[in-house]
C-alpha atoms as a PDB file:
ATOM      1  CA  MET A   1       5.441 -29.252  21.059  1.00  0.00           C
ATOM      2  CA  ARG A   2       3.296 -30.855  23.748  1.00  0.00           C
ATOM      3  CA  ARG A   3       4.214 -28.119  26.235  1.00  0.00           C
ATOM      4  CA  LEU A   4       3.108 -25.437  23.798  1.00  0.00           C
ATOM      5  CA  CYS A   5      -0.256 -27.154  23.334  1.00  0.00           C
ATOM      6  CA  ILE A   6      -0.889 -26.806  27.076  1.00  0.00           C
ATOM      7  CA  VAL A   7      -1.116 -23.010  26.708  1.00  0.00           C
ATOM      8  CA  PRO A   8      -4.761 -21.891  26.348  1.00  0.00           C
ATOM      9  CA  GLY A   9      -5.533 -20.969  22.739  1.00  0.00           C
ATOM     10  CA  VAL A  10      -2.535 -22.815  21.297  1.00  0.00           C
ATOM     11  CA  GLY A  11      -3.321 -25.948  19.342  1.00  0.00           C
ATOM     12  CA  PRO A  12      -1.169 -28.314  17.307  1.00  0.00           C
ATOM     13  CA  VAL A  13      -1.160 -26.071  14.219  1.00  0.00           C
ATOM     14  CA  THR A  14      -0.055 -22.972  16.147  1.00  0.00           C
ATOM     15  CA  ALA A  15       2.516 -24.963  18.103  1.00  0.00           C
ATOM     16  CA  GLY A  16       3.928 -26.379  14.873  1.00  0.00           C
ATOM     17  CA  ALA A  17       4.172 -22.905  13.361  1.00  0.00           C
ATOM     18  CA  ILE A  18       5.998 -21.612  16.426  1.00  0.00           C
ATOM     19  CA  MET A  19       8.400 -24.540  16.343  1.00  0.00           C
ATOM     20  CA  ALA A  20       9.144 -23.951  12.645  1.00  0.00           C
ATOM     21  CA  PHE A  21       9.339 -20.150  12.721  1.00  0.00           C
ATOM     22  CA  ALA A  22      10.788 -19.168  16.109  1.00  0.00           C
ATOM     23  CA  PRO A  23      14.401 -19.668  17.145  1.00  0.00           C
ATOM     24  CA  ASP A  24      15.201 -22.108  19.928  1.00  0.00           C
ATOM     25  CA  LEU A  25      12.941 -21.140  22.838  1.00  0.00           C
ATOM     26  CA  ARG A  26      15.806 -21.531  25.315  1.00  0.00           C
ATOM     27  CA  THR A  27      17.363 -18.367  23.833  1.00  0.00           C
ATOM     28  CA  PHE A  28      14.645 -16.264  25.497  1.00  0.00           C
ATOM     29  CA  ALA A  29      15.204 -15.380  29.140  1.00  0.00           C
ATOM     30  CA  SER A  30      11.476 -15.274  29.878  1.00  0.00           C
ATOM     31  CA  GLY A  31       8.045 -15.631  28.383  1.00  0.00           C
ATOM     32  CA  ARG A  32       7.822 -11.835  28.302  1.00  0.00           C
ATOM     33  CA  ASN A  33      10.862 -11.690  25.999  1.00  0.00           C
ATOM     34  CA  PHE A  34       9.315 -14.292  23.700  1.00  0.00           C
ATOM     35  CA  ALA A  35       6.026 -12.363  23.613  1.00  0.00           C
ATOM     36  CA  ALA A  36       7.930  -9.196  22.695  1.00  0.00           C
ATOM     37  CA  TRP A  37       9.700 -11.096  19.910  1.00  0.00           C
ATOM     38  CA  LEU A  38       6.288 -12.125  18.589  1.00  0.00           C
ATOM     39  CA  GLY A  39       5.147  -8.506  18.628  1.00  0.00           C
ATOM     40  CA  LEU A  40       2.836  -8.737  21.630  1.00  0.00           C
ATOM     41  CA  VAL A  41       3.165  -5.782  23.961  1.00  0.00           C
ATOM     42  CA  PRO A  42       1.331  -4.867  27.173  1.00  0.00           C
ATOM     43  CA  ARG A  43      -1.025  -1.900  27.085  1.00  0.00           C
ATOM     44  CA  GLN A  44       0.440   0.976  29.096  1.00  0.00           C
ATOM     45  CA  ARG A  45      -1.441   3.433  31.269  1.00  0.00           C
ATOM     46  CA  SER A  46       0.793   6.089  32.777  1.00  0.00           C
ATOM     47  CA  THR A  47      -0.164   8.925  35.097  1.00  0.00           C
ATOM     48  CA  GLY A  48       1.988  11.037  37.362  1.00  0.00           C
ATOM     49  CA  GLY A  49       5.152   9.156  36.468  1.00  0.00           C
ATOM     50  CA  LYS A  50       3.627   5.796  37.434  1.00  0.00           C
ATOM     51  CA  THR A  51       3.611   3.203  34.675  1.00  0.00           C
ATOM     52  CA  ARG A  52       0.974   0.471  34.773  1.00  0.00           C
ATOM     53  CA  LEU A  53       1.033  -2.439  32.373  1.00  0.00           C
ATOM     54  CA  GLY A  54      -2.324  -3.830  31.297  1.00  0.00           C
ATOM     55  CA  SER A  55      -3.554  -6.552  28.992  1.00  0.00           C
ATOM     56  CA  VAL A  56      -1.468  -7.798  26.100  1.00  0.00           C
ATOM     57  CA  ARG A  57      -2.219  -6.581  22.591  1.00  0.00           C
ATOM     58  CA  ALA A  58      -0.644  -7.132  19.198  1.00  0.00           C
ATOM     59  CA  PHE A  59       1.619  -4.402  17.891  1.00  0.00           C
ATOM     60  CA  PHE A  60       2.316  -4.212  14.179  1.00  0.00           C
ATOM     61  CA  ASP A  61       4.414  -1.669  12.369  1.00  0.00           C
ATOM     62  CA  GLN A  62       1.893   0.490  10.524  1.00  0.00           C
ATOM     63  CA  LYS A  63       4.515   1.797   8.073  1.00  0.00           C
ATOM     64  CA  ALA A  64       5.779  -1.621   7.008  1.00  0.00           C
ATOM     65  CA  SER A  65       4.628  -2.864   3.641  1.00  0.00           C
ATOM     66  CA  TYR A  66       3.276  -6.375   3.616  1.00  0.00           C
ATOM     67  CA  PRO A  67       2.844  -8.464   0.444  1.00  0.00           C
ATOM     68  CA  GLN A  68      -0.747  -8.850  -0.609  1.00  0.00           C
END
């Protein structure tokens, strides 16, 4: 949990939630895979067949129904 608190923007509450909710972090090959599991995806800008990845944004399924 201490290592998660080192990440900017992650405090003890967020780190605790990740520890309780996420599977064992060693199952992810990289931080990019963990971010994808969380639903964070890089913004893509593609022109002429060249793909450029930009800043990370949250991606949520718009069709999914969430309890209110």
